[in-house]
Amino acid sequence: YDVIGANKTGIDSIAVTYGYGSREEL
């Protein structure tokens, strides 16, 4: 949801895998 939100608003994103989203999801 963080990456989707960034993409939809036109900003860059840093996805982190130490939380609760899997690498594949991100």
PDB file of all heavy atoms in Angstrom:
ATOM      1  N   TYR A   1       0.826  -1.206   0.000  1.00  0.00           N
ATOM      2  CA  TYR A   1       0.000   0.000   0.000  1.00  0.00           C
ATOM      3  C   TYR A   1       0.864   1.262   0.000  1.00  0.00           C
ATOM      4  O   TYR A   1       0.483   2.283  -0.578  1.00  0.00           O
ATOM      5  CB  TYR A   1      -0.931  -0.009   1.215  1.00  0.00           C
ATOM      6  CG  TYR A   1      -1.639  -1.323   1.390  1.00  0.00           C
ATOM      7  CD1 TYR A   1      -1.155  -2.290   2.271  1.00  0.00           C
ATOM      8  CD2 TYR A   1      -2.765  -1.637   0.626  1.00  0.00           C
ATOM      9  CE1 TYR A   1      -1.780  -3.522   2.409  1.00  0.00           C
ATOM     10  CE2 TYR A   1      -3.396  -2.865   0.755  1.00  0.00           C
ATOM     11  CZ  TYR A   1      -2.898  -3.801   1.646  1.00  0.00           C
ATOM     12  OH  TYR A   1      -3.503  -5.024   1.765  1.00  0.00           O
ATOM     13  N   ASP A   2       2.026   1.195   0.638  1.00  0.00           N
ATOM     14  CA  ASP A   2       2.936   2.334   0.665  1.00  0.00           C
ATOM     15  C   ASP A   2       3.504   2.605  -0.722  1.00  0.00           C
ATOM     16  O   ASP A   2       3.596   3.753  -1.157  1.00  0.00           O
ATOM     17  CB  ASP A   2       4.072   2.071   1.657  1.00  0.00           C
ATOM     18  CG  ASP A   2       3.560   1.792   3.056  1.00  0.00           C
ATOM     19  OD1 ASP A   2       2.858   2.647   3.603  1.00  0.00           O
ATOM     20  OD2 ASP A   2       3.849   0.707   3.592  1.00  0.00           O
ATOM     21  N   VAL A   3       3.869   1.542  -1.424  1.00  0.00           N
ATOM     22  CA  VAL A   3       4.435   1.682  -2.763  1.00  0.00           C
ATOM     23  C   VAL A   3       3.353   2.119  -3.748  1.00  0.00           C
ATOM     24  O   VAL A   3       3.576   3.002  -4.591  1.00  0.00           O
ATOM     25  CB  VAL A   3       5.097   0.373  -3.217  1.00  0.00           C
ATOM     26  CG1 VAL A   3       5.711   0.528  -4.602  1.00  0.00           C
ATOM     27  CG2 VAL A   3       6.153  -0.080  -2.211  1.00  0.00           C
ATOM     28  N   ILE A   4       2.181   1.515  -3.640  1.00  0.00           N
ATOM     29  CA  ILE A   4       1.066   1.896  -4.516  1.00  0.00           C
ATOM     30  C   ILE A   4       0.738   3.375  -4.332  1.00  0.00           C
ATOM     31  O   ILE A   4       0.554   4.115  -5.310  1.00  0.00           O
ATOM     32  CB  ILE A   4      -0.167   1.024  -4.226  1.00  0.00           C
ATOM     33  CG1 ILE A   4       0.075  -0.417  -4.673  1.00  0.00           C
ATOM     34  CG2 ILE A   4      -1.412   1.592  -4.915  1.00  0.00           C
ATOM     35  CD1 ILE A   4      -0.975  -1.407  -4.191  1.00  0.00           C
ATOM     36  N   GLY A   5       0.666   3.821  -3.070  1.00  0.00           N
ATOM     37  CA  GLY A   5       0.361   5.217  -2.793  1.00  0.00           C
ATOM     38  C   GLY A   5       1.405   6.156  -3.372  1.00  0.00           C
ATOM     39  O   GLY A   5       1.075   7.208  -3.937  1.00  0.00           O
ATOM     40  N   ALA A   6       2.673   5.778  -3.245  1.00  0.00           N
ATOM     41  CA  ALA A   6       3.748   6.595  -3.808  1.00  0.00           C
ATOM     42  C   ALA A   6       3.637   6.652  -5.331  1.00  0.00           C
ATOM     43  O   ALA A   6       3.740   7.732  -5.936  1.00  0.00           O
ATOM     44  CB  ALA A   6       5.108   6.032  -3.391  1.00  0.00           C
ATOM     45  N   ASN A   7       3.416   5.507  -5.952  1.00  0.00           N
ATOM     46  CA  ASN A   7       3.306   5.473  -7.412  1.00  0.00           C
ATOM     47  C   ASN A   7       2.132   6.305  -7.910  1.00  0.00           C
ATOM     48  O   ASN A   7       2.248   7.033  -8.909  1.00  0.00           O
ATOM     49  CB  ASN A   7       3.175   4.029  -7.899  1.00  0.00           C
ATOM     50  CG  ASN A   7       4.455   3.228  -7.734  1.00  0.00           C
ATOM     51  OD1 ASN A   7       5.540   3.813  -7.610  1.00  0.00           O
ATOM     52  ND2 ASN A   7       4.350   1.914  -7.731  1.00  0.00           N
ATOM     53  N   LYS A   8       0.996   6.214  -7.233  1.00  0.00           N
ATOM     54  CA  LYS A   8      -0.193   6.941  -7.677  1.00  0.00           C
ATOM     55  C   LYS A   8      -0.055   8.454  -7.497  1.00  0.00           C
ATOM     56  O   LYS A   8      -0.690   9.221  -8.214  1.00  0.00           O
ATOM     57  CB  LYS A   8      -1.426   6.434  -6.928  1.00  0.00           C
ATOM     58  CG  LYS A   8      -1.918   5.077  -7.405  1.00  0.00           C
ATOM     59  CD  LYS A   8      -3.229   4.697  -6.738  1.00  0.00           C
ATOM     60  CE  LYS A   8      -3.778   3.403  -7.310  1.00  0.00           C
ATOM     61  NZ  LYS A   8      -5.075   3.021  -6.669  1.00  0.00           N
ATOM     62  N   THR A   9       0.755   8.869  -6.531  1.00  0.00           N
ATOM     63  CA  THR A   9       0.933  10.296  -6.300  1.00  0.00           C
ATOM     64  C   THR A   9       2.179  10.851  -6.988  1.00  0.00           C
ATOM     65  O   THR A   9       2.461  12.044  -6.893  1.00  0.00           O
ATOM     66  CB  THR A   9       1.008  10.604  -4.793  1.00  0.00           C
ATOM     67  OG1 THR A   9       2.048   9.808  -4.189  1.00  0.00           O
ATOM     68  CG2 THR A   9      -0.321  10.306  -4.112  1.00  0.00           C
ATOM     69  N   GLY A  10       2.928   9.994  -7.662  1.00  0.00           N
ATOM     70  CA  GLY A  10       4.055  10.452  -8.454  1.00  0.00           C
ATOM     71  C   GLY A  10       5.326  10.731  -7.695  1.00  0.00           C
ATOM     72  O   GLY A  10       6.161  11.527  -8.141  1.00  0.00           O
ATOM     73  N   ILE A  11       5.508  10.064  -6.535  1.00  0.00           N
ATOM     74  CA  ILE A  11       6.750  10.245  -5.785  1.00  0.00           C
ATOM     75  C   ILE A  11       7.509   8.922  -5.702  1.00  0.00           C
ATOM     76  O   ILE A  11       6.949   7.859  -5.964  1.00  0.00           O
ATOM     77  CB  ILE A  11       6.498  10.816  -4.369  1.00  0.00           C
ATOM     78  CG1 ILE A  11       5.754   9.809  -3.489  1.00  0.00           C
ATOM     79  CG2 ILE A  11       5.745  12.152  -4.450  1.00  0.00           C
ATOM     80  CD1 ILE A  11       5.645  10.236  -2.012  1.00  0.00           C
ATOM     81  N   ASP A  12       8.775   9.000  -5.339  1.00  0.00           N
ATOM     82  CA  ASP A  12       9.602   7.801  -5.211  1.00  0.00           C
ATOM     83  C   ASP A  12       9.275   7.050  -3.916  1.00  0.00           C
ATOM     84  O   ASP A  12       8.626   7.596  -3.012  1.00  0.00           O
ATOM     85  CB  ASP A  12      11.080   8.174  -5.220  1.00  0.00           C
ATOM     86  CG  ASP A  12      11.589   8.523  -6.619  1.00  0.00           C
ATOM     87  OD1 ASP A  12      10.803   8.419  -7.586  1.00  0.00           O
ATOM     88  OD2 ASP A  12      12.766   8.907  -6.742  1.00  0.00           O
ATOM     89  N   SER A  13       9.734   5.810  -3.859  1.00  0.00           N
ATOM     90  CA  SER A  13       9.461   4.984  -2.677  1.00  0.00           C
ATOM     91  C   SER A  13      10.676   4.146  -2.315  1.00  0.00           C
ATOM     92  O   SER A  13      11.476   3.768  -3.175  1.00  0.00           O
ATOM     93  CB  SER A  13       8.266   4.059  -2.928  1.00  0.00           C
ATOM     94  OG  SER A  13       8.519   3.203  -4.030  1.00  0.00           O
ATOM     95  N   ILE A  14      10.792   3.882  -1.016  1.00  0.00           N
ATOM     96  CA  ILE A  14      11.768   2.920  -0.493  1.00  0.00           C
ATOM     97  C   ILE A  14      10.969   1.844   0.224  1.00  0.00           C
ATOM     98  O   ILE A  14      10.358   2.104   1.263  1.00  0.00           O
ATOM     99  CB  ILE A  14      12.769   3.570   0.484  1.00  0.00           C
ATOM    100  CG1 ILE A  14      13.530   4.718  -0.191  1.00  0.00           C
ATOM    101  CG2 ILE A  14      13.744   2.523   1.023  1.00  0.00           C
ATOM    102  CD1 ILE A  14      14.417   5.512   0.764  1.00  0.00           C
ATOM    103  N   ALA A  15      10.946   0.647  -0.339  1.00  0.00           N
ATOM    104  CA  ALA A  15      10.242  -0.478   0.285  1.00  0.00           C
ATOM    105  C   ALA A  15      11.212  -1.212   1.189  1.00  0.00           C
ATOM    106  O   ALA A  15      12.348  -1.491   0.794  1.00  0.00           O
ATOM    107  CB  ALA A  15       9.690  -1.412  -0.786  1.00  0.00           C
ATOM    108  N   VAL A  16      10.774  -1.511   2.409  1.00  0.00           N
ATOM    109  CA  VAL A  16      11.628  -2.188   3.378  1.00  0.00           C
ATOM    110  C   VAL A  16      11.087  -3.590   3.652  1.00  0.00           C
ATOM    111  O   VAL A  16       9.885  -3.783   3.808  1.00  0.00           O
ATOM    112  CB  VAL A  16      11.753  -1.380   4.691  1.00  0.00           C
ATOM    113  CG1 VAL A  16      12.306   0.011   4.409  1.00  0.00           C
ATOM    114  CG2 VAL A  16      10.422  -1.257   5.419  1.00  0.00           C
ATOM    115  N   THR A  17      12.006  -4.556   3.698  1.00  0.00           N
ATOM    116  CA  THR A  17      11.577  -5.946   3.880  1.00  0.00           C
ATOM    117  C   THR A  17      11.684  -6.422   5.320  1.00  0.00           C
ATOM    118  O   THR A  17      11.398  -7.585   5.600  1.00  0.00           O
ATOM    119  CB  THR A  17      12.414  -6.887   2.990  1.00  0.00           C
ATOM    120  OG1 THR A  17      13.801  -6.778   3.350  1.00  0.00           O
ATOM    121  CG2 THR A  17      12.256  -6.540   1.519  1.00  0.00           C
ATOM    122  N   TYR A  18      12.074  -5.533   6.251  1.00  0.00           N
ATOM    123  CA  TYR A  18      12.167  -5.959   7.651  1.00  0.00           C
ATOM    124  C   TYR A  18      10.830  -5.882   8.372  1.00  0.00           C
ATOM    125  O   TYR A  18      10.735  -6.259   9.540  1.00  0.00           O
ATOM    126  CB  TYR A  18      13.233  -5.140   8.397  1.00  0.00           C
ATOM    127  CG  TYR A  18      12.978  -3.650   8.460  1.00  0.00           C
ATOM    128  CD1 TYR A  18      12.055  -3.111   9.353  1.00  0.00           C
ATOM    129  CD2 TYR A  18      13.683  -2.772   7.639  1.00  0.00           C
ATOM    130  CE1 TYR A  18      11.824  -1.738   9.413  1.00  0.00           C
ATOM    131  CE2 TYR A  18      13.459  -1.408   7.698  1.00  0.00           C
ATOM    132  CZ  TYR A  18      12.533  -0.894   8.586  1.00  0.00           C
ATOM    133  OH  TYR A  18      12.303   0.464   8.637  1.00  0.00           O
ATOM    134  N   GLY A  19       9.790  -5.391   7.680  1.00  0.00           N
ATOM    135  CA  GLY A  19       8.473  -5.264   8.300  1.00  0.00           C
ATOM    136  C   GLY A  19       7.579  -6.448   7.974  1.00  0.00           C
ATOM    137  O   GLY A  19       7.999  -7.605   8.063  1.00  0.00           O
ATOM    138  N   TYR A  20       6.338  -6.168   7.522  1.00  0.00           N
ATOM    139  CA  TYR A  20       5.346  -7.231   7.365  1.00  0.00           C
ATOM    140  C   TYR A  20       4.954  -7.534   5.926  1.00  0.00           C
ATOM    141  O   TYR A  20       4.139  -8.406   5.687  1.00  0.00           O
ATOM    142  CB  TYR A  20       4.106  -6.905   8.211  1.00  0.00           C
ATOM    143  CG  TYR A  20       4.395  -7.151   9.671  1.00  0.00           C
ATOM    144  CD1 TYR A  20       4.916  -6.135  10.473  1.00  0.00           C
ATOM    145  CD2 TYR A  20       4.237  -8.405  10.235  1.00  0.00           C
ATOM    146  CE1 TYR A  20       5.231  -6.364  11.804  1.00  0.00           C
ATOM    147  CE2 TYR A  20       4.553  -8.651  11.559  1.00  0.00           C
ATOM    148  CZ  TYR A  20       5.051  -7.622  12.335  1.00  0.00           C
ATOM    149  OH  TYR A  20       5.385  -7.855  13.647  1.00  0.00           O
ATOM    150  N   GLY A  21       5.541  -6.835   4.979  1.00  0.00           N
ATOM    151  CA  GLY A  21       5.303  -7.164   3.580  1.00  0.00           C
ATOM    152  C   GLY A  21       6.440  -8.028   3.049  1.00  0.00           C
ATOM    153  O   GLY A  21       7.609  -7.761   3.323  1.00  0.00           O
ATOM    154  N   SER A  22       6.116  -9.046   2.293  1.00  0.00           N
ATOM    155  CA  SER A  22       7.155  -9.919   1.743  1.00  0.00           C
ATOM    156  C   SER A  22       7.881  -9.204   0.598  1.00  0.00           C
ATOM    157  O   SER A  22       7.379  -8.243   0.007  1.00  0.00           O
ATOM    158  CB  SER A  22       6.543 -11.213   1.209  1.00  0.00           C
ATOM    159  OG  SER A  22       5.744 -10.943   0.058  1.00  0.00           O
ATOM    160  N   ARG A  23       9.063  -9.694   0.294  1.00  0.00           N
ATOM    161  CA  ARG A  23       9.830  -9.165  -0.832  1.00  0.00           C
ATOM    162  C   ARG A  23       9.011  -9.251  -2.120  1.00  0.00           C
ATOM    163  O   ARG A  23       8.993  -8.315  -2.930  1.00  0.00           O
ATOM    164  CB  ARG A  23      11.133  -9.955  -0.963  1.00  0.00           C
ATOM    165  CG  ARG A  23      12.057  -9.496  -2.074  1.00  0.00           C
ATOM    166  CD  ARG A  23      13.292 -10.384  -2.149  1.00  0.00           C
ATOM    167  NE  ARG A  23      14.176  -9.965  -3.224  1.00  0.00           N
ATOM    168  CZ  ARG A  23      15.123  -9.065  -3.095  1.00  0.00           C
ATOM    169  NH1 ARG A  23      15.321  -8.475  -1.925  1.00  0.00           N
ATOM    170  NH2 ARG A  23      15.890  -8.733  -4.123  1.00  0.00           N
ATOM    171  N   GLU A  24       8.309 -10.371  -2.294  1.00  0.00           N
ATOM    172  CA  GLU A  24       7.510 -10.579  -3.506  1.00  0.00           C
ATOM    173  C   GLU A  24       6.371  -9.572  -3.582  1.00  0.00           C
ATOM    174  O   GLU A  24       6.107  -8.991  -4.650  1.00  0.00           O
ATOM    175  CB  GLU A  24       6.955 -12.005  -3.528  1.00  0.00           C
ATOM    176  CG  GLU A  24       8.008 -13.096  -3.684  1.00  0.00           C
ATOM    177  CD  GLU A  24       8.875 -13.288  -2.445  1.00  0.00           C
ATOM    178  OE1 GLU A  24       8.388 -13.000  -1.311  1.00  0.00           O
ATOM    179  OE2 GLU A  24      10.042 -13.715  -2.599  1.00  0.00           O
ATOM    180  N   GLU A  25       5.678  -9.354  -2.458  1.00  0.00           N
ATOM    181  CA  GLU A  25       4.578  -8.381  -2.427  1.00  0.00           C
ATOM    182  C   GLU A  25       5.067  -7.002  -2.841  1.00  0.00           C
ATOM    183  O   GLU A  25       4.426  -6.308  -3.626  1.00  0.00           O
ATOM    184  CB  GLU A  25       3.990  -8.308  -1.013  1.00  0.00           C
ATOM    185  CG  GLU A  25       2.979  -7.181  -0.810  1.00  0.00           C
ATOM    186  CD  GLU A  25       2.578  -6.974   0.642  1.00  0.00           C
ATOM    187  OE1 GLU A  25       2.371  -7.969   1.350  1.00  0.00           O
ATOM    188  OE2 GLU A  25       2.466  -5.806   1.054  1.00  0.00           O
ATOM    189  N   LEU A  26       6.211  -6.599  -2.302  1.00  0.00           N
ATOM    190  CA  LEU A  26       6.737  -5.264  -2.556  1.00  0.00           C
ATOM    191  C   LEU A  26       7.237  -5.119  -3.988  1.00  0.00           C
ATOM    192  O   LEU A  26       6.958  -4.110  -4.650  1.00  0.00           O
ATOM    193  CB  LEU A  26       7.853  -4.958  -1.558  1.00  0.00           C
ATOM    194  CG  LEU A  26       7.387  -4.849  -0.101  1.00  0.00           C
ATOM    195  CD1 LEU A  26       8.583  -4.902   0.850  1.00  0.00           C
ATOM    196  CD2 LEU A  26       6.581  -3.571   0.127  1.00  0.00           C
TER     197      LEU A  26
END
